[in-house]
Amino acid sequence: MKKLLIAPLAVAALALAGLVPSASGAATARSDDMTTVAATAKCKSLTALSNVNVRKSASTKSTILRLWYKGTKGCDIKGVDGGSYKNACGIKSYHYWRKVNYRGTVGYVPNVCVKYS
């Protein structure tokens, strides 16, 4: 009876820890979790200069994933050339974006709306 109760608890504990059982029974880390861990380890801190939309891709026509609040910090992943934007954070027109991780949401913000902190 005890063995029947321990196995589901062990699987649940592994799932909470970000590990999933493989076909062989050994626990392995999910690759998307490892990418997040690796990105966080190399994080360059950014601060939002104003409230800015975090978007799914580097375009003002892209879906808004969340709002990044002025003065809060996020993590820089890389810079990308993307769609042009106008009147963003006091800049008349530009086209360079930052791929960022803000509170677990990975997306794109206009480069001129963030600064290294």
PDB file of N, CA and C in Angstrom:
ATOM      1  N   MET A   1       0.816  -1.188   0.000  1.00  0.00           N
ATOM      2  CA  MET A   1       0.000   0.000   0.000  1.00  0.00           C
ATOM      3  C   MET A   1       0.862   1.255   0.000  1.00  0.00           C
ATOM      4  N   LYS A   2       1.943   1.281   0.802  1.00  0.00           N
ATOM      5  CA  LYS A   2       2.800   2.457   0.869  1.00  0.00           C
ATOM      6  C   LYS A   2       3.467   2.744  -0.467  1.00  0.00           C
ATOM      7  N   LYS A   3       3.859   1.688  -1.201  1.00  0.00           N
ATOM      8  CA  LYS A   3       4.489   1.874  -2.504  1.00  0.00           C
ATOM      9  C   LYS A   3       3.537   2.561  -3.473  1.00  0.00           C
ATOM     10  N   LEU A   4       2.256   2.255  -3.392  1.00  0.00           N
ATOM     11  CA  LEU A   4       1.272   2.851  -4.279  1.00  0.00           C
ATOM     12  C   LEU A   4       1.128   4.346  -4.019  1.00  0.00           C
ATOM     13  N   LEU A   5       1.321   4.803  -2.810  1.00  0.00           N
ATOM     14  CA  LEU A   5       1.190   6.202  -2.471  1.00  0.00           C
ATOM     15  C   LEU A   5       2.481   6.984  -2.758  1.00  0.00           C
ATOM     16  N   ILE A   6       3.620   6.342  -2.633  1.00  0.00           N
ATOM     17  CA  ILE A   6       4.899   7.020  -2.793  1.00  0.00           C
ATOM     18  C   ILE A   6       5.183   7.353  -4.258  1.00  0.00           C
ATOM     19  N   ALA A   7       4.875   6.479  -5.181  1.00  0.00           N
ATOM     20  CA  ALA A   7       5.186   6.699  -6.597  1.00  0.00           C
ATOM     21  C   ALA A   7       4.524   7.964  -7.148  1.00  0.00           C
ATOM     22  N   PRO A   8       3.205   8.178  -6.948  1.00  0.00           N
ATOM     23  CA  PRO A   8       2.606   9.407  -7.472  1.00  0.00           C
ATOM     24  C   PRO A   8       3.177  10.659  -6.812  1.00  0.00           C
ATOM     25  N   LEU A   9       3.506  10.579  -5.536  1.00  0.00           N
ATOM     26  CA  LEU A   9       4.102  11.727  -4.851  1.00  0.00           C
ATOM     27  C   LEU A   9       5.481  12.050  -5.413  1.00  0.00           C
ATOM     28  N   ALA A  10       6.251  11.028  -5.723  1.00  0.00           N
ATOM     29  CA  ALA A  10       7.581  11.233  -6.296  1.00  0.00           C
ATOM     30  C   ALA A  10       7.488  11.884  -7.671  1.00  0.00           C
ATOM     31  N   VAL A  11       6.550  11.430  -8.492  1.00  0.00           N
ATOM     32  CA  VAL A  11       6.359  12.015  -9.831  1.00  0.00           C
ATOM     33  C   VAL A  11       5.931  13.471  -9.706  1.00  0.00           C
ATOM     34  N   ALA A  12       5.033  13.768  -8.774  1.00  0.00           N
ATOM     35  CA  ALA A  12       4.578  15.146  -8.568  1.00  0.00           C
ATOM     36  C   ALA A  12       5.735  16.032  -8.108  1.00  0.00           C
ATOM     37  N   ALA A  13       6.573  15.529  -7.219  1.00  0.00           N
ATOM     38  CA  ALA A  13       7.724  16.299  -6.735  1.00  0.00           C
ATOM     39  C   ALA A  13       8.697  16.589  -7.868  1.00  0.00           C
ATOM     40  N   LEU A  14       8.932  15.608  -8.734  1.00  0.00           N
ATOM     41  CA  LEU A  14       9.819  15.822  -9.878  1.00  0.00           C
ATOM     42  C   LEU A  14       9.244  16.866 -10.825  1.00  0.00           C
ATOM     43  N   ALA A  15       7.945  16.837 -11.039  1.00  0.00           N
ATOM     44  CA  ALA A  15       7.301  17.806 -11.931  1.00  0.00           C
ATOM     45  C   ALA A  15       7.427  19.208 -11.371  1.00  0.00           C
ATOM     46  N   LEU A  16       7.241  19.368 -10.071  1.00  0.00           N
ATOM     47  CA  LEU A  16       7.376  20.685  -9.448  1.00  0.00           C
ATOM     48  C   LEU A  16       8.808  21.197  -9.520  1.00  0.00           C
ATOM     49  N   ALA A  17       9.773  20.295  -9.481  1.00  0.00           N
ATOM     50  CA  ALA A  17      11.181  20.683  -9.552  1.00  0.00           C
ATOM     51  C   ALA A  17      11.631  20.941 -10.984  1.00  0.00           C
ATOM     52  N   GLY A  18      10.731  20.778 -11.960  1.00  0.00           N
ATOM     53  CA  GLY A  18      11.094  21.001 -13.355  1.00  0.00           C
ATOM     54  C   GLY A  18      11.700  19.783 -14.015  1.00  0.00           C
ATOM     55  N   LEU A  19      11.587  18.658 -13.373  1.00  0.00           N
ATOM     56  CA  LEU A  19      12.120  17.414 -13.920  1.00  0.00           C
ATOM     57  C   LEU A  19      10.950  16.522 -14.293  1.00  0.00           C
ATOM     58  N   VAL A  20      11.120  15.788 -15.373  1.00  0.00           N
ATOM     59  CA  VAL A  20      10.075  14.864 -15.799  1.00  0.00           C
ATOM     60  C   VAL A  20      10.677  13.480 -15.975  1.00  0.00           C
ATOM     61  N   PRO A  21       9.947  12.432 -15.612  1.00  0.00           N
ATOM     62  CA  PRO A  21      10.494  11.088 -15.788  1.00  0.00           C
ATOM     63  C   PRO A  21      10.606  10.731 -17.264  1.00  0.00           C
ATOM     64  N   SER A  22      11.694  10.084 -17.634  1.00  0.00           N
ATOM     65  CA  SER A  22      11.871   9.638 -19.017  1.00  0.00           C
ATOM     66  C   SER A  22      11.376   8.200 -19.138  1.00  0.00           C
ATOM     67  N   ALA A  23      11.437   7.656 -20.344  1.00  0.00           N
ATOM     68  CA  ALA A  23      10.990   6.283 -20.573  1.00  0.00           C
ATOM     69  C   ALA A  23      11.800   5.289 -19.747  1.00  0.00           C
ATOM     70  N   SER A  24      13.064   5.607 -19.462  1.00  0.00           N
ATOM     71  CA  SER A  24      13.904   4.699 -18.692  1.00  0.00           C
ATOM     72  C   SER A  24      13.647   4.810 -17.201  1.00  0.00           C
ATOM     73  N   GLY A  25      12.829   5.806 -16.798  1.00  0.00           N
ATOM     74  CA  GLY A  25      12.551   5.978 -15.376  1.00  0.00           C
ATOM     75  C   GLY A  25      13.438   7.027 -14.733  1.00  0.00           C
ATOM     76  N   ALA A  26      14.500   7.431 -15.409  1.00  0.00           N
ATOM     77  CA  ALA A  26      15.383   8.457 -14.850  1.00  0.00           C
ATOM     78  C   ALA A  26      14.766   9.826 -15.085  1.00  0.00           C
ATOM     79  N   ALA A  27      15.041  10.765 -14.191  1.00  0.00           N
ATOM     80  CA  ALA A  27      14.489  12.110 -14.336  1.00  0.00           C
ATOM     81  C   ALA A  27      15.427  12.959 -15.180  1.00  0.00           C
ATOM     82  N   THR A  28      14.840  13.712 -16.106  1.00  0.00           N
ATOM     83  CA  THR A  28      15.632  14.606 -16.948  1.00  0.00           C
ATOM     84  C   THR A  28      15.015  15.998 -16.917  1.00  0.00           C
ATOM     85  N   ALA A  29      15.829  17.013 -17.092  1.00  0.00           N
ATOM     86  CA  ALA A  29      15.327  18.386 -17.108  1.00  0.00           C
ATOM     87  C   ALA A  29      14.722  18.690 -18.468  1.00  0.00           C
ATOM     88  N   ARG A  30      13.630  19.462 -18.478  1.00  0.00           N
ATOM     89  CA  ARG A  30      13.028  19.881 -19.738  1.00  0.00           C
ATOM     90  C   ARG A  30      13.932  20.917 -20.379  1.00  0.00           C
ATOM     91  N   SER A  31      14.082  20.878 -21.697  1.00  0.00           N
ATOM     92  CA  SER A  31      15.016  21.765 -22.388  1.00  0.00           C
ATOM     93  C   SER A  31      14.605  23.224 -22.302  1.00  0.00           C
ATOM     94  N   ASP A  32      13.297  23.535 -22.321  1.00  0.00           N
ATOM     95  CA  ASP A  32      12.885  24.933 -22.239  1.00  0.00           C
ATOM     96  C   ASP A  32      13.227  25.533 -20.879  1.00  0.00           C
ATOM     97  N   ASP A  33      13.167  24.720 -19.810  1.00  0.00           N
ATOM     98  CA  ASP A  33      13.564  25.197 -18.484  1.00  0.00           C
ATOM     99  C   ASP A  33      15.056  25.481 -18.441  1.00  0.00           C
ATOM    100  N   MET A  34      15.840  24.634 -19.086  1.00  0.00           N
ATOM    101  CA  MET A  34      17.291  24.817 -19.085  1.00  0.00           C
ATOM    102  C   MET A  34      17.673  26.078 -19.860  1.00  0.00           C
ATOM    103  N   THR A  35      16.959  26.388 -20.929  1.00  0.00           N
ATOM    104  CA  THR A  35      17.223  27.600 -21.693  1.00  0.00           C
ATOM    105  C   THR A  35      16.963  28.826 -20.830  1.00  0.00           C
ATOM    106  N   THR A  36      15.874  28.806 -20.067  1.00  0.00           N
ATOM    107  CA  THR A  36      15.554  29.916 -19.175  1.00  0.00           C
ATOM    108  C   THR A  36      16.623  30.066 -18.102  1.00  0.00           C
ATOM    109  N   VAL A  37      17.063  28.950 -17.523  1.00  0.00           N
ATOM    110  CA  VAL A  37      18.103  28.988 -16.499  1.00  0.00           C
ATOM    111  C   VAL A  37      19.391  29.555 -17.075  1.00  0.00           C
ATOM    112  N   ALA A  38      19.766  29.108 -18.270  1.00  0.00           N
ATOM    113  CA  ALA A  38      20.997  29.594 -18.896  1.00  0.00           C
ATOM    114  C   ALA A  38      20.895  31.084 -19.200  1.00  0.00           C
ATOM    115  N   ALA A  39      19.747  31.532 -19.685  1.00  0.00           N
ATOM    116  CA  ALA A  39      19.567  32.947 -20.002  1.00  0.00           C
ATOM    117  C   ALA A  39      19.636  33.793 -18.732  1.00  0.00           C
ATOM    118  N   THR A  40      19.048  33.303 -17.650  1.00  0.00           N
ATOM    119  CA  THR A  40      19.060  34.050 -16.394  1.00  0.00           C
ATOM    120  C   THR A  40      20.472  34.150 -15.836  1.00  0.00           C
ATOM    121  N   ALA A  41      21.276  33.104 -15.997  1.00  0.00           N
ATOM    122  CA  ALA A  41      22.636  33.114 -15.484  1.00  0.00           C
ATOM    123  C   ALA A  41      23.481  34.185 -16.167  1.00  0.00           C
ATOM    124  N   LYS A  42      23.178  34.506 -17.432  1.00  0.00           N
ATOM    125  CA  LYS A  42      23.939  35.490 -18.189  1.00  0.00           C
ATOM    126  C   LYS A  42      23.197  36.818 -18.293  1.00  0.00           C
ATOM    127  N   CYS A  43      22.238  37.058 -17.436  1.00  0.00           N
ATOM    128  CA  CYS A  43      21.355  38.213 -17.540  1.00  0.00           C
ATOM    129  C   CYS A  43      22.091  39.541 -17.415  1.00  0.00           C
ATOM    130  N   LYS A  44      21.812  40.437 -18.368  1.00  0.00           N
ATOM    131  CA  LYS A  44      22.223  41.829 -18.264  1.00  0.00           C
ATOM    132  C   LYS A  44      20.963  42.582 -17.881  1.00  0.00           C
ATOM    133  N   SER A  45      20.981  43.231 -16.749  1.00  0.00           N
ATOM    134  CA  SER A  45      19.789  43.883 -16.224  1.00  0.00           C
ATOM    135  C   SER A  45      19.415  45.127 -17.022  1.00  0.00           C
ATOM    136  N   LEU A  46      18.121  45.249 -17.337  1.00  0.00           N
ATOM    137  CA  LEU A  46      17.570  46.411 -18.031  1.00  0.00           C
ATOM    138  C   LEU A  46      16.496  47.047 -17.162  1.00  0.00           C
ATOM    139  N   THR A  47      16.342  48.355 -17.274  1.00  0.00           N
ATOM    140  CA  THR A  47      15.272  49.079 -16.597  1.00  0.00           C
ATOM    141  C   THR A  47      14.424  49.782 -17.647  1.00  0.00           C
ATOM    142  N   ALA A  48      13.105  49.700 -17.496  1.00  0.00           N
ATOM    143  CA  ALA A  48      12.194  50.369 -18.427  1.00  0.00           C
ATOM    144  C   ALA A  48      12.198  51.874 -18.146  1.00  0.00           C
ATOM    145  N   LEU A  49      12.323  52.669 -19.209  1.00  0.00           N
ATOM    146  CA  LEU A  49      12.332  54.124 -19.084  1.00  0.00           C
ATOM    147  C   LEU A  49      10.923  54.697 -19.020  1.00  0.00           C
ATOM    148  N   SER A  50       9.945  53.937 -19.475  1.00  0.00           N
ATOM    149  CA  SER A  50       8.525  54.301 -19.382  1.00  0.00           C
ATOM    150  C   SER A  50       7.738  53.002 -19.434  1.00  0.00           C
ATOM    151  N   ASN A  51       6.443  53.066 -19.235  1.00  0.00           N
ATOM    152  CA  ASN A  51       5.626  51.866 -19.417  1.00  0.00           C
ATOM    153  C   ASN A  51       5.731  51.464 -20.881  1.00  0.00           C
ATOM    154  N   VAL A  52       6.032  50.201 -21.140  1.00  0.00           N
ATOM    155  CA  VAL A  52       6.247  49.756 -22.513  1.00  0.00           C
ATOM    156  C   VAL A  52       5.629  48.371 -22.714  1.00  0.00           C
ATOM    157  N   ASN A  53       5.062  48.140 -23.897  1.00  0.00           N
ATOM    158  CA  ASN A  53       4.470  46.843 -24.230  1.00  0.00           C
ATOM    159  C   ASN A  53       5.553  45.841 -24.596  1.00  0.00           C
ATOM    160  N   VAL A  54       5.484  44.654 -23.995  1.00  0.00           N
ATOM    161  CA  VAL A  54       6.345  43.536 -24.378  1.00  0.00           C
ATOM    162  C   VAL A  54       5.565  42.777 -25.442  1.00  0.00           C
ATOM    163  N   ARG A  55       6.158  42.645 -26.631  1.00  0.00           N
ATOM    164  CA  ARG A  55       5.442  42.063 -27.772  1.00  0.00           C
ATOM    165  C   ARG A  55       5.992  40.689 -28.153  1.00  0.00           C
ATOM    166  N   LYS A  56       5.175  39.930 -28.863  1.00  0.00           N
ATOM    167  CA  LYS A  56       5.531  38.574 -29.289  1.00  0.00           C
ATOM    168  C   LYS A  56       6.662  38.572 -30.313  1.00  0.00           C
ATOM    169  N   SER A  57       6.711  39.563 -31.183  1.00  0.00           N
ATOM    170  CA  SER A  57       7.815  39.693 -32.146  1.00  0.00           C
ATOM    171  C   SER A  57       8.201  41.161 -32.241  1.00  0.00           C
ATOM    172  N   ALA A  58       9.263  41.451 -32.956  1.00  0.00           N
ATOM    173  CA  ALA A  58       9.811  42.808 -33.043  1.00  0.00           C
ATOM    174  C   ALA A  58       9.043  43.651 -34.058  1.00  0.00           C
ATOM    175  N   SER A  59       7.788  43.917 -33.725  1.00  0.00           N
ATOM    176  CA  SER A  59       6.925  44.703 -34.601  1.00  0.00           C
ATOM    177  C   SER A  59       5.816  45.338 -33.772  1.00  0.00           C
ATOM    178  N   THR A  60       5.438  46.561 -34.107  1.00  0.00           N
ATOM    179  CA  THR A  60       4.329  47.206 -33.393  1.00  0.00           C
ATOM    180  C   THR A  60       2.991  46.561 -33.737  1.00  0.00           C
ATOM    181  N   LYS A  61       2.952  45.761 -34.778  1.00  0.00           N
ATOM    182  CA  LYS A  61       1.720  45.053 -35.149  1.00  0.00           C
ATOM    183  C   LYS A  61       1.609  43.701 -34.443  1.00  0.00           C
ATOM    184  N   SER A  62       2.656  43.312 -33.732  1.00  0.00           N
ATOM    185  CA  SER A  62       2.693  42.031 -33.041  1.00  0.00           C
ATOM    186  C   SER A  62       1.814  42.052 -31.786  1.00  0.00           C
ATOM    187  N   THR A  63       1.396  40.883 -31.365  1.00  0.00           N
ATOM    188  CA  THR A  63       0.574  40.722 -30.169  1.00  0.00           C
ATOM    189  C   THR A  63       1.304  41.240 -28.929  1.00  0.00           C
ATOM    190  N   ILE A  64       0.584  41.983 -28.087  1.00  0.00           N
ATOM    191  CA  ILE A  64       1.136  42.452 -26.812  1.00  0.00           C
ATOM    192  C   ILE A  64       1.007  41.317 -25.799  1.00  0.00           C
ATOM    193  N   LEU A  65       2.134  40.932 -25.188  1.00  0.00           N
ATOM    194  CA  LEU A  65       2.145  39.856 -24.208  1.00  0.00           C
ATOM    195  C   LEU A  65       1.879  40.371 -22.796  1.00  0.00           C
ATOM    196  N   ARG A  66       2.426  41.541 -22.474  1.00  0.00           N
ATOM    197  CA  ARG A  66       2.233  42.152 -21.160  1.00  0.00           C
ATOM    198  C   ARG A  66       2.789  43.556 -21.155  1.00  0.00           C
ATOM    199  N   LEU A  67       2.541  44.292 -20.087  1.00  0.00           N
ATOM    200  CA  LEU A  67       3.057  45.641 -19.927  1.00  0.00           C
ATOM    201  C   LEU A  67       4.253  45.603 -18.985  1.00  0.00           C
ATOM    202  N   TRP A  68       5.341  46.250 -19.385  1.00  0.00           N
ATOM    203  CA  TRP A  68       6.535  46.388 -18.538  1.00  0.00           C
ATOM    204  C   TRP A  68       6.457  47.779 -17.930  1.00  0.00           C
ATOM    205  N   TYR A  69       6.428  47.844 -16.607  1.00  0.00           N
ATOM    206  CA  TYR A  69       6.217  49.102 -15.912  1.00  0.00           C
ATOM    207  C   TYR A  69       7.495  49.921 -15.755  1.00  0.00           C
ATOM    208  N   LYS A  70       7.357  51.234 -15.897  1.00  0.00           N
ATOM    209  CA  LYS A  70       8.474  52.179 -15.781  1.00  0.00           C
ATOM    210  C   LYS A  70       9.217  51.961 -14.466  1.00  0.00           C
ATOM    211  N   GLY A  71      10.553  51.919 -14.567  1.00  0.00           N
ATOM    212  CA  GLY A  71      11.401  51.800 -13.391  1.00  0.00           C
ATOM    213  C   GLY A  71      11.641  50.390 -12.899  1.00  0.00           C
ATOM    214  N   THR A  72      10.937  49.394 -13.472  1.00  0.00           N
ATOM    215  CA  THR A  72      11.155  48.009 -13.040  1.00  0.00           C
ATOM    216  C   THR A  72      12.211  47.353 -13.917  1.00  0.00           C
ATOM    217  N   LYS A  73      12.809  46.294 -13.409  1.00  0.00           N
ATOM    218  CA  LYS A  73      13.926  45.647 -14.094  1.00  0.00           C
ATOM    219  C   LYS A  73      13.498  44.376 -14.805  1.00  0.00           C
ATOM    220  N   GLY A  74      14.215  44.093 -15.882  1.00  0.00           N
ATOM    221  CA  GLY A  74      14.042  42.874 -16.649  1.00  0.00           C
ATOM    222  C   GLY A  74      15.412  42.384 -17.079  1.00  0.00           C
ATOM    223  N   CYS A  75      15.431  41.384 -17.916  1.00  0.00           N
ATOM    224  CA  CYS A  75      16.678  40.756 -18.340  1.00  0.00           C
ATOM    225  C   CYS A  75      16.835  40.865 -19.859  1.00  0.00           C
ATOM    226  N   ASP A  76      17.977  41.375 -20.298  1.00  0.00           N
ATOM    227  CA  ASP A  76      18.276  41.496 -21.724  1.00  0.00           C
ATOM    228  C   ASP A  76      18.722  40.145 -22.271  1.00  0.00           C
ATOM    229  N   ILE A  77      18.168  39.746 -23.393  1.00  0.00           N
ATOM    230  CA  ILE A  77      18.585  38.505 -24.049  1.00  0.00           C
ATOM    231  C   ILE A  77      19.457  38.826 -25.257  1.00  0.00           C
ATOM    232  N   LYS A  78      18.951  39.682 -26.172  1.00  0.00           N
ATOM    233  CA  LYS A  78      19.753  40.097 -27.322  1.00  0.00           C
ATOM    234  C   LYS A  78      19.064  41.241 -28.054  1.00  0.00           C
ATOM    235  N   GLY A  79      19.811  41.933 -28.884  1.00  0.00           N
ATOM    236  CA  GLY A  79      19.262  42.987 -29.716  1.00  0.00           C
ATOM    237  C   GLY A  79      18.904  42.437 -31.080  1.00  0.00           C
ATOM    238  N   VAL A  80      17.833  42.977 -31.659  1.00  0.00           N
ATOM    239  CA  VAL A  80      17.408  42.530 -32.988  1.00  0.00           C
ATOM    240  C   VAL A  80      16.945  43.726 -33.810  1.00  0.00           C
ATOM    241  N   ASP A  81      17.142  43.630 -35.104  1.00  0.00           N
ATOM    242  CA  ASP A  81      16.628  44.627 -36.034  1.00  0.00           C
ATOM    243  C   ASP A  81      15.227  44.171 -36.405  1.00  0.00           C
ATOM    244  N   GLY A  82      14.255  45.057 -36.287  1.00  0.00           N
ATOM    245  CA  GLY A  82      12.887  44.640 -36.564  1.00  0.00           C
ATOM    246  C   GLY A  82      12.097  45.732 -37.244  1.00  0.00           C
ATOM    247  N   GLY A  83      10.798  45.662 -37.078  1.00  0.00           N
ATOM    248  CA  GLY A  83       9.913  46.649 -37.670  1.00  0.00           C
ATOM    249  C   GLY A  83      10.127  48.020 -37.055  1.00  0.00           C
ATOM    250  N   SER A  84       9.910  49.064 -37.848  1.00  0.00           N
ATOM    251  CA  SER A  84      10.118  50.413 -37.328  1.00  0.00           C
ATOM    252  C   SER A  84       8.982  50.801 -36.393  1.00  0.00           C
ATOM    253  N   TYR A  85       9.303  51.680 -35.463  1.00  0.00           N
ATOM    254  CA  TYR A  85       8.297  52.209 -34.547  1.00  0.00           C
ATOM    255  C   TYR A  85       8.444  53.718 -34.495  1.00  0.00           C
ATOM    256  N   LYS A  86       7.349  54.397 -34.198  1.00  0.00           N
ATOM    257  CA  LYS A  86       7.340  55.858 -34.159  1.00  0.00           C
ATOM    258  C   LYS A  86       6.879  56.339 -32.800  1.00  0.00           C
ATOM    259  N   ASN A  87       7.461  57.450 -32.375  1.00  0.00           N
ATOM    260  CA  ASN A  87       7.078  58.100 -31.122  1.00  0.00           C
ATOM    261  C   ASN A  87       7.138  57.165 -29.921  1.00  0.00           C
ATOM    262  N   ALA A  88       8.142  56.321 -29.873  1.00  0.00           N
ATOM    263  CA  ALA A  88       8.331  55.424 -28.738  1.00  0.00           C
ATOM    264  C   ALA A  88       9.333  56.040 -27.772  1.00  0.00           C
ATOM    265  N   CYS A  89       8.909  56.266 -26.553  1.00  0.00           N
ATOM    266  CA  CYS A  89       9.787  56.755 -25.487  1.00  0.00           C
ATOM    267  C   CYS A  89      10.533  58.026 -25.882  1.00  0.00           C
ATOM    268  N   GLY A  90       9.861  58.907 -26.599  1.00  0.00           N
ATOM    269  CA  GLY A  90      10.445  60.194 -26.959  1.00  0.00           C
ATOM    270  C   GLY A  90      11.287  60.191 -28.220  1.00  0.00           C
ATOM    271  N   ILE A  91      11.431  59.062 -28.884  1.00  0.00           N
ATOM    272  CA  ILE A  91      12.211  58.981 -30.121  1.00  0.00           C
ATOM    273  C   ILE A  91      11.233  59.011 -31.302  1.00  0.00           C
ATOM    274  N   LYS A  92      11.509  59.865 -32.262  1.00  0.00           N
ATOM    275  CA  LYS A  92      10.595  60.063 -33.391  1.00  0.00           C
ATOM    276  C   LYS A  92      10.390  58.785 -34.220  1.00  0.00           C
ATOM    277  N   SER A  93      11.484  58.112 -34.595  1.00  0.00           N
ATOM    278  CA  SER A  93      11.370  56.900 -35.393  1.00  0.00           C
ATOM    279  C   SER A  93      12.657  56.075 -35.271  1.00  0.00           C
ATOM    280  N   TYR A  94      12.502  54.755 -35.119  1.00  0.00           N
ATOM    281  CA  TYR A  94      13.658  53.866 -35.009  1.00  0.00           C
ATOM    282  C   TYR A  94      13.198  52.445 -35.310  1.00  0.00           C
ATOM    283  N   HIS A  95      14.134  51.495 -35.391  1.00  0.00           N
ATOM    284  CA  HIS A  95      13.773  50.126 -35.777  1.00  0.00           C
ATOM    285  C   HIS A  95      14.505  49.041 -34.987  1.00  0.00           C
ATOM    286  N   TYR A  96      15.272  49.405 -33.964  1.00  0.00           N
ATOM    287  CA  TYR A  96      16.027  48.397 -33.221  1.00  0.00           C
ATOM    288  C   TYR A  96      15.261  47.992 -31.964  1.00  0.00           C
ATOM    289  N   TRP A  97      15.205  46.690 -31.695  1.00  0.00           N
ATOM    290  CA  TRP A  97      14.450  46.126 -30.584  1.00  0.00           C
ATOM    291  C   TRP A  97      15.362  45.328 -29.663  1.00  0.00           C
ATOM    292  N   ARG A  98      14.925  45.069 -28.439  1.00  0.00           N
ATOM    293  CA  ARG A  98      15.616  44.182 -27.498  1.00  0.00           C
ATOM    294  C   ARG A  98      14.704  42.995 -27.231  1.00  0.00           C
ATOM    295  N   LYS A  99      15.277  41.797 -27.318  1.00  0.00           N
ATOM    296  CA  LYS A  99      14.562  40.611 -26.862  1.00  0.00           C
ATOM    297  C   LYS A  99      14.831  40.539 -25.365  1.00  0.00           C
ATOM    298  N   VAL A 100      13.769  40.467 -24.553  1.00  0.00           N
ATOM    299  CA  VAL A 100      13.911  40.564 -23.108  1.00  0.00           C
ATOM    300  C   VAL A 100      13.124  39.472 -22.390  1.00  0.00           C
ATOM    301  N   ASN A 101      13.471  39.291 -21.131  1.00  0.00           N
ATOM    302  CA  ASN A 101      12.697  38.451 -20.235  1.00  0.00           C
ATOM    303  C   ASN A 101      12.246  39.363 -19.100  1.00  0.00           C
ATOM    304  N   TYR A 102      10.957  39.659 -19.067  1.00  0.00           N
ATOM    305  CA  TYR A 102      10.412  40.508 -18.009  1.00  0.00           C
ATOM    306  C   TYR A 102       9.442  39.680 -17.188  1.00  0.00           C
ATOM    307  N   ARG A 103       9.845  39.374 -15.968  1.00  0.00           N
ATOM    308  CA  ARG A 103       9.027  38.603 -15.023  1.00  0.00           C
ATOM    309  C   ARG A 103       8.491  37.307 -15.629  1.00  0.00           C
ATOM    310  N   GLY A 104       9.373  36.619 -16.362  1.00  0.00           N
ATOM    311  CA  GLY A 104       9.019  35.324 -16.935  1.00  0.00           C
ATOM    312  C   GLY A 104       8.419  35.378 -18.331  1.00  0.00           C
ATOM    313  N   THR A 105       8.126  36.574 -18.827  1.00  0.00           N
ATOM    314  CA  THR A 105       7.594  36.719 -20.180  1.00  0.00           C
ATOM    315  C   THR A 105       8.730  37.107 -21.116  1.00  0.00           C
ATOM    316  N   VAL A 106       8.965  36.296 -22.138  1.00  0.00           N
ATOM    317  CA  VAL A 106      10.011  36.597 -23.114  1.00  0.00           C
ATOM    318  C   VAL A 106       9.349  37.236 -24.328  1.00  0.00           C
ATOM    319  N   GLY A 107       9.844  38.424 -24.686  1.00  0.00           N
ATOM    320  CA  GLY A 107       9.275  39.142 -25.814  1.00  0.00           C
ATOM    321  C   GLY A 107      10.193  40.268 -26.251  1.00  0.00           C
ATOM    322  N   TYR A 108       9.638  41.215 -26.996  1.00  0.00           N
ATOM    323  CA  TYR A 108      10.431  42.288 -27.605  1.00  0.00           C
ATOM    324  C   TYR A 108       9.902  43.654 -27.186  1.00  0.00           C
ATOM    325  N   VAL A 109      10.839  44.576 -26.942  1.00  0.00           N
ATOM    326  CA  VAL A 109      10.501  45.961 -26.625  1.00  0.00           C
ATOM    327  C   VAL A 109      11.380  46.879 -27.466  1.00  0.00           C
ATOM    328  N   PRO A 110      10.893  48.103 -27.772  1.00  0.00           N
ATOM    329  CA  PRO A 110      11.746  49.045 -28.490  1.00  0.00           C
ATOM    330  C   PRO A 110      13.027  49.323 -27.701  1.00  0.00           C
ATOM    331  N   ASN A 111      14.133  49.291 -28.377  1.00  0.00           N
ATOM    332  CA  ASN A 111      15.435  49.498 -27.752  1.00  0.00           C
ATOM    333  C   ASN A 111      15.518  50.819 -26.989  1.00  0.00           C
ATOM    334  N   VAL A 112      14.886  51.849 -27.493  1.00  0.00           N
ATOM    335  CA  VAL A 112      14.978  53.185 -26.875  1.00  0.00           C
ATOM    336  C   VAL A 112      14.175  53.297 -25.587  1.00  0.00           C
ATOM    337  N   CYS A 113      13.378  52.282 -25.253  1.00  0.00           N
ATOM    338  CA  CYS A 113      12.534  52.330 -24.064  1.00  0.00           C
ATOM    339  C   CYS A 113      13.145  51.654 -22.847  1.00  0.00           C
ATOM    340  N   VAL A 114      14.373  51.142 -22.988  1.00  0.00           N
ATOM    341  CA  VAL A 114      15.064  50.472 -21.873  1.00  0.00           C
ATOM    342  C   VAL A 114      16.505  50.955 -21.801  1.00  0.00           C
ATOM    343  N   LYS A 115      17.087  50.822 -20.608  1.00  0.00           N
ATOM    344  CA  LYS A 115      18.506  51.141 -20.458  1.00  0.00           C
ATOM    345  C   LYS A 115      19.146  50.092 -19.561  1.00  0.00           C
ATOM    346  N   TYR A 116      20.444  49.875 -19.744  1.00  0.00           N
ATOM    347  CA  TYR A 116      21.164  48.935 -18.892  1.00  0.00           C
ATOM    348  C   TYR A 116      21.248  49.517 -17.487  1.00  0.00           C
ATOM    349  N   SER A 117      21.041  48.642 -16.494  1.00  0.00           N
ATOM    350  CA  SER A 117      21.079  49.122 -15.106  1.00  0.00           C
ATOM    351  C   SER A 117      21.989  48.274 -14.257  1.00  0.00           C
TER     352      SER A 117
END
